[in-house]
Structure formats: C-alpha cells, structure tokens
Amino acid sequence: MTFRLAAQESTCEGDTLVEKYEFALSVGFDGIELSGRGNGVFVGRADEFRAAREAGVVMPTAVAHVDHFLGDFDPQKRRGAIDELTAMLTALTAAGGNGFVTPHAFGLFSTRLPPFVPPRSVADSRLLLLEALREVAAHAESEGVVVYLEPLNRFEDFVVNTLVDASWYVDELASPGVAVIADTWHMSIEESDIGAAIRRSGSRIQHVQLGDSNRLEPGAGHYDWDETLTALEDIGYDGWLAMECGLSGPSRDVLPRVSRLLKR
C-alpha cells in the first residue's frame, strides 16, 4: 500500500502555489498542506487557492496557525475562534481541500506545569469543546469538508491528549463533519502502544501528520515508522500523510528521503 504524502507549504521551494506543487512532486510528494493563518490571512487567499486548484495544484488539507482556539478561557476569544474556523472551512473549499486540522487549544494550559489547576474544570472544558465542535462540524458538513480534531501532548493541552480522547468527540457528535487527526510526534509522547492506539480509533482517523521523536522529519529520530504504517494499513487508511515538523536540512535534500521511507 502506498500512502499519499503532503509537504508543508512553507517548506516547498517556489513563490507561487503552482511552483511549490511542482517542487513537491519533484521530491516524491503528492500534494501540499496549506498554512491556516488566522486574522483573515487564510480566508483572504480564497482566490489564490481557486486559481491554483484550476491549475492542477493538489491541496488536500490545511492546519491552523492561529493565536486562539476553540477551547480559549476567554468567551469572546472562544467565540472568535469558532467564527474564524467556520470561515476557514469555507475558504478551504476554494482549494478543493477535504479537511482542516485544529486542536482544542495550544499552549493555553497544562495540568503538568504550575499552577496545575486550570481556571476552568476539565469537565466544563470538555462540554464547551463538544458544543463548539457541534457548531463547526455542522458547518463543515454543509461545505463538504471535515474538521480534524488533533490531540496534543500533555504540555500543550489539558483536554485532548490521545486518540481515545479525540475519538470520544467524534462518537458523541456522530457527524461526517468531524474526525480524528493522528500526529506521530504527539503520539510518541502520549500513546503507550501506538499501533494499538491507531487500530482502536480505526476509521475515526481521517488524517495523519508526521514528525519523528525529535520533531524533525521521519527518519531523523527513533520513531518506529513500520509500526505506524502497518497499523494504518490494518485499518484500511486511505487518507493523507502530511509533514508537520522541522527539517534537518534543505527541503530538496530531506524530502526525497522521507518519500522513500514512507512509500515503502
């Protein structure tokens, strides 16, 4: 089984999306994962995405690069994150994309670091996230795209850390507008058995992001890639594998090695 690989937009050489896509193809990749910049940046690129799509550029997904998320403690920021994400989902359709990656929150709070007790209970945060996801999933469904809920490690989030955590929301909502994204770097911290975790979540996983144990490209650390690829094959995974990591060298040197490793 050969998986489709997406390179990060920022690591592809070229000034335009067409040039970046041509570069991605030249190093053994199949598409580009877009940078979902907030404050109107991503939404304002809709015409650019549409033109690139018409030129044949494959842009399956985007990942949130924003300054506030669905789980923000501030009600106004939380409302703003919901509105921003729904607008981004609409903009993604211009690219012909199928999903947008977002965590519950990033760097908002960790129960593993002082002061250890969040200003809002975990139970309340779970309910608020469920409420927010219900709204954005309904919008995603109406647009024919998917919100990918990303578990982050314990130091970056205090609510959704594992595939089981994210799967609970997918099961509760039972909407085609929301699914799980598995990030290998976060899994290397949080999952005791990565292969088993992938098999347990099964079809709830509709996107995968790549980072080795040191958060560099696959092959640069000690992550067991065969275990992950075999588990994905076992669940019949047919989605994309997208880079979400740093690189140990120039893209044109590093990305061909990644392609050879993952397209085993």
Protein backbone atom coordinates (compact mmCIF):
# COMPACT_ATOMS: atom_id res chain seq x y z
CA MET A 1 0.00 0.00 0.00
CA THR A 2 1.36 3.42 -0.98
CA PHE A 3 0.27 6.43 1.04
CA ARG A 4 -0.17 9.92 -0.38
CA LEU A 5 2.26 12.46 1.07
CA ALA A 6 1.69 16.19 1.56
CA ALA A 7 4.54 18.64 2.13
CA GLN A 8 4.18 21.71 4.30
CA GLU A 9 3.51 24.78 2.21
CA SER A 10 6.33 26.64 3.98
CA THR A 11 8.96 24.01 3.13
CA CYS A 12 8.29 23.91 -0.62
CA GLU A 13 10.51 25.97 -2.88
CA GLY A 14 8.81 28.49 -5.16
CA ASP A 15 6.93 31.76 -4.96
CA THR A 16 3.51 30.53 -6.04
CA LEU A 17 1.40 27.53 -5.13
CA VAL A 18 1.93 26.17 -8.63
CA GLU A 19 5.71 26.38 -8.20
CA LYS A 20 5.52 24.87 -4.71
CA TYR A 21 3.42 22.00 -6.01
CA GLU A 22 5.84 21.33 -8.84
CA PHE A 23 8.65 21.23 -6.27
CA ALA A 24 6.67 18.85 -4.05
CA LEU A 25 6.15 16.49 -6.98
CA SER A 26 9.86 16.64 -7.84
CA VAL A 27 10.85 15.36 -4.38
CA GLY A 28 8.37 12.49 -4.27
CA PHE A 29 5.36 14.16 -2.65
CA ASP A 30 1.80 14.27 -3.94
CA GLY A 31 0.31 17.48 -2.57
CA ILE A 32 0.65 20.47 -0.26
CA GLU A 33 -0.79 21.03 3.22
CA LEU A 34 -1.73 24.69 3.47
CA SER A 35 -0.91 27.02 6.35
CA GLY A 36 -4.14 28.15 8.00
CA ARG A 37 -3.06 31.59 9.12
CA GLY A 38 -5.59 33.48 11.20
CA ASN A 39 -6.71 37.11 11.32
CA GLY A 40 -8.20 36.88 7.84
CA VAL A 41 -5.00 35.76 6.09
CA PHE A 42 -6.16 32.26 5.09
CA VAL A 43 -9.67 33.41 4.24
CA GLY A 44 -8.24 36.22 2.12
CA ARG A 45 -6.37 33.70 -0.04
CA ALA A 46 -9.52 32.08 -1.46
CA ASP A 47 -8.96 33.48 -4.96
CA GLU A 48 -5.34 32.30 -4.87
CA PHE A 49 -6.48 28.81 -3.85
CA ARG A 50 -9.12 28.72 -6.56
CA ALA A 51 -6.63 29.69 -9.27
CA ALA A 52 -4.10 27.13 -8.05
CA ARG A 53 -6.75 24.43 -7.99
CA GLU A 54 -7.73 25.24 -11.56
CA ALA A 55 -4.04 24.94 -12.48
CA GLY A 56 -3.99 21.40 -11.07
CA VAL A 57 -2.42 22.01 -7.65
CA VAL A 58 -3.47 19.37 -5.09
CA MET A 59 -4.11 20.92 -1.65
CA PRO A 60 -5.94 18.31 0.44
CA THR A 61 -5.69 19.90 3.87
CA ALA A 62 -4.82 22.94 5.95
CA VAL A 63 -3.57 23.24 9.52
CA ALA A 64 -4.47 26.00 11.97
CA HIS A 65 -1.74 28.58 12.62
CA VAL A 66 -3.83 30.94 14.73
CA ASP A 67 -3.49 32.75 18.05
CA HIS A 68 -6.67 31.49 19.76
CA PHE A 69 -8.64 28.25 19.60
CA LEU A 70 -11.99 26.65 20.38
CA GLY A 71 -11.01 25.99 24.00
CA ASP A 72 -9.95 29.51 24.97
CA PHE A 73 -10.87 30.55 28.51
CA ASP A 74 -12.00 33.98 27.28
CA PRO A 75 -15.59 33.68 25.95
CA GLN A 76 -15.02 36.35 23.30
CA LYS A 77 -11.85 34.69 22.02
CA ARG A 78 -13.60 31.32 22.04
CA ARG A 79 -16.47 32.77 20.01
CA GLY A 80 -13.96 34.38 17.67
CA ALA A 81 -12.17 31.05 17.19
CA ILE A 82 -15.42 29.33 16.25
CA ASP A 83 -16.27 32.05 13.74
CA GLU A 84 -12.77 32.08 12.30
CA LEU A 85 -12.69 28.31 11.87
CA THR A 86 -16.04 28.25 10.07
CA ALA A 87 -14.78 30.94 7.69
CA MET A 88 -11.58 28.97 7.09
CA LEU A 89 -13.58 25.84 6.30
CA THR A 90 -15.42 27.76 3.61
CA ALA A 91 -12.14 29.13 2.22
CA LEU A 92 -10.73 25.59 2.12
CA THR A 93 -13.37 24.60 -0.40
CA ALA A 94 -11.80 27.05 -2.86
CA ALA A 95 -8.65 24.91 -2.71
CA GLY A 96 -10.61 21.71 -3.22
CA GLY A 97 -9.42 20.59 0.19
CA ASN A 98 -11.12 17.99 2.33
CA GLY A 99 -10.14 18.88 5.89
CA PHE A 100 -8.81 21.45 8.33
CA VAL A 101 -6.65 20.49 11.33
CA THR A 102 -7.24 22.15 14.70
CA PRO A 103 -6.51 21.22 18.32
CA HIS A 104 -8.73 22.07 21.28
CA ALA A 105 -6.12 24.66 22.29
CA PHE A 106 -2.38 25.19 22.03
CA GLY A 107 -0.33 26.37 24.99
CA LEU A 108 -3.41 27.55 26.83
CA PHE A 109 -2.84 25.43 29.93
CA SER A 110 -1.12 22.24 31.11
CA THR A 111 -2.05 20.36 34.26
CA ARG A 112 1.55 19.06 34.30
CA LEU A 113 3.01 22.51 34.90
CA PRO A 114 2.41 25.14 37.63
CA PRO A 115 -0.14 26.20 38.75
CA PHE A 116 -1.50 22.71 37.83
CA VAL A 117 -5.20 23.59 38.35
CA PRO A 118 -6.86 25.25 35.33
CA PRO A 119 -9.17 28.25 35.80
CA ARG A 120 -11.98 26.14 34.31
CA SER A 121 -12.59 22.49 35.14
CA VAL A 122 -11.66 19.82 32.61
CA ALA A 123 -15.28 18.63 32.65
CA ASP A 124 -16.56 22.08 31.72
CA SER A 125 -13.88 22.42 29.06
CA ARG A 126 -14.95 19.11 27.52
CA LEU A 127 -18.56 20.23 27.35
CA LEU A 128 -17.62 23.58 25.81
CA LEU A 129 -15.43 21.87 23.21
CA LEU A 130 -18.26 19.50 22.36
CA GLU A 131 -20.57 22.48 21.93
CA ALA A 132 -18.07 24.30 19.69
CA LEU A 133 -17.36 21.21 17.61
CA ARG A 134 -21.07 20.60 17.10
CA GLU A 135 -21.34 24.05 15.53
CA VAL A 136 -18.24 23.87 13.34
CA ALA A 137 -18.89 20.25 12.33
CA ALA A 138 -22.35 21.21 11.11
CA HIS A 139 -20.81 23.98 9.02
CA ALA A 140 -18.09 21.65 7.74
CA GLU A 141 -20.72 19.10 6.76
CA SER A 142 -22.66 21.75 4.84
CA GLU A 143 -19.47 22.67 2.95
CA GLY A 144 -18.48 19.06 2.25
CA VAL A 145 -15.28 19.23 4.33
CA VAL A 146 -14.11 17.91 7.69
CA VAL A 147 -12.72 19.37 10.92
CA TYR A 148 -9.80 17.21 12.08
CA LEU A 149 -9.52 17.32 15.88
CA GLU A 150 -5.87 17.00 16.89
CA PRO A 151 -4.71 15.54 20.21
CA LEU A 152 -1.70 17.41 21.57
CA ASN A 153 0.76 16.26 24.20
CA ARG A 154 0.18 16.92 27.91
CA PHE A 155 2.38 20.02 27.95
CA GLU A 156 0.48 21.74 25.12
CA ASP A 157 -3.13 20.91 26.05
CA PHE A 158 -5.02 19.67 29.08
CA VAL A 159 -8.14 18.20 27.46
CA VAL A 160 -7.39 16.21 24.28
CA ASN A 161 -4.09 14.31 24.52
CA THR A 162 -4.70 10.89 22.97
CA LEU A 163 -6.53 9.33 20.05
CA VAL A 164 -9.07 7.94 22.52
CA ASP A 165 -9.70 11.48 23.82
CA ALA A 166 -10.36 12.79 20.32
CA SER A 167 -12.41 9.74 19.34
CA TRP A 168 -14.86 10.45 22.17
CA TYR A 169 -15.93 13.69 20.48
CA VAL A 170 -16.28 12.00 17.11
CA ASP A 171 -18.51 9.33 18.65
CA GLU A 172 -20.59 11.85 20.60
CA LEU A 173 -21.22 14.06 17.56
CA ALA A 174 -21.66 11.27 15.02
CA SER A 175 -21.18 13.82 12.24
CA PRO A 176 -19.26 13.37 8.98
CA GLY A 177 -18.03 16.91 9.60
CA VAL A 178 -15.58 15.91 12.35
CA ALA A 179 -12.84 13.26 12.52
CA VAL A 180 -9.57 12.49 14.29
CA ILE A 181 -6.11 13.51 13.11
CA ALA A 182 -3.21 11.40 14.40
CA ASP A 183 0.07 13.28 14.83
CA THR A 184 3.00 10.90 15.19
CA TRP A 185 5.11 13.24 17.33
CA HIS A 186 2.35 13.80 19.88
CA MET A 187 1.59 10.06 19.82
CA SER A 188 5.23 9.30 20.60
CA ILE A 189 4.72 11.15 23.89
CA GLU A 190 1.17 10.17 24.84
CA GLU A 191 0.40 6.71 23.44
CA SER A 192 1.78 3.67 25.29
CA ASP A 193 1.22 1.46 22.23
CA ILE A 194 0.99 3.48 19.01
CA GLY A 195 -0.05 0.62 16.77
CA ALA A 196 -2.80 -0.44 19.16
CA ALA A 197 -4.00 3.17 19.53
CA ILE A 198 -4.32 3.55 15.77
CA ARG A 199 -6.20 0.27 15.43
CA ARG A 200 -8.52 1.19 18.31
CA SER A 201 -9.51 4.51 16.73
CA GLY A 202 -9.78 2.91 13.30
CA SER A 203 -11.91 4.76 10.77
CA ARG A 204 -12.25 7.78 13.06
CA ILE A 205 -8.73 8.67 11.90
CA GLN A 206 -9.02 10.54 8.61
CA HIS A 207 -5.73 12.45 8.59
CA VAL A 208 -2.16 11.86 9.78
CA GLN A 209 0.61 14.36 10.43
CA LEU A 210 4.26 13.43 10.51
CA GLY A 211 7.07 14.21 12.92
CA ASP A 212 9.77 11.95 14.32
CA SER A 213 10.66 11.58 18.01
CA ASN A 214 12.72 14.80 17.85
CA ARG A 215 10.02 16.62 15.82
CA LEU A 216 12.17 16.58 12.72
CA GLU A 217 11.31 14.73 9.53
CA PRO A 218 10.52 10.99 9.52
CA GLY A 219 13.78 9.08 9.75
CA ALA A 220 15.62 11.77 11.69
CA GLY A 221 14.79 10.30 15.11
CA HIS A 222 13.98 6.94 16.67
CA TYR A 223 10.26 6.67 15.91
CA ASP A 224 9.07 3.25 14.67
CA TRP A 225 7.63 4.08 11.26
CA ASP A 226 6.98 0.49 10.26
CA GLU A 227 4.69 0.06 13.26
CA THR A 228 2.63 3.11 12.32
CA LEU A 229 2.44 2.36 8.60
CA THR A 230 1.43 -1.25 9.27
CA ALA A 231 -1.29 -0.14 11.70
CA LEU A 232 -2.61 2.35 9.15
CA GLU A 233 -2.71 -0.40 6.55
CA ASP A 234 -4.55 -2.64 9.00
CA ILE A 235 -7.36 -0.08 9.44
CA GLY A 236 -7.58 0.50 5.69
CA TYR A 237 -6.43 4.10 6.00
CA ASP A 238 -6.72 5.91 2.66
CA GLY A 239 -6.10 9.50 3.75
CA TRP A 240 -3.01 11.68 3.52
CA LEU A 241 0.23 11.75 5.49
CA ALA A 242 1.26 15.39 5.91
CA MET A 243 4.51 16.82 7.21
CA GLU A 244 4.15 18.80 10.45
CA CYS A 245 7.73 19.10 11.66
CA GLY A 246 11.07 20.79 11.26
CA LEU A 247 13.65 19.63 8.75
CA SER A 248 17.24 18.59 9.45
CA GLY A 249 18.46 20.14 6.20
CA PRO A 250 17.33 21.75 2.95
CA SER A 251 13.94 20.56 1.67
CA ARG A 252 15.36 19.29 -1.61
CA ASP A 253 17.75 17.03 0.32
CA VAL A 254 15.42 15.91 3.11
CA LEU A 255 12.05 15.35 1.42
CA PRO A 256 13.19 12.68 -1.08
CA ARG A 257 14.45 10.60 1.86
CA VAL A 258 11.10 10.95 3.58
CA SER A 259 9.28 9.85 0.44
CA ARG A 260 11.45 6.76 0.10
CA LEU A 261 10.93 5.85 3.77
CA LEU A 262 7.15 6.22 3.82
CA LYS A 263 6.34 4.91 0.34
CA ARG A 264 7.93 1.62 1.32
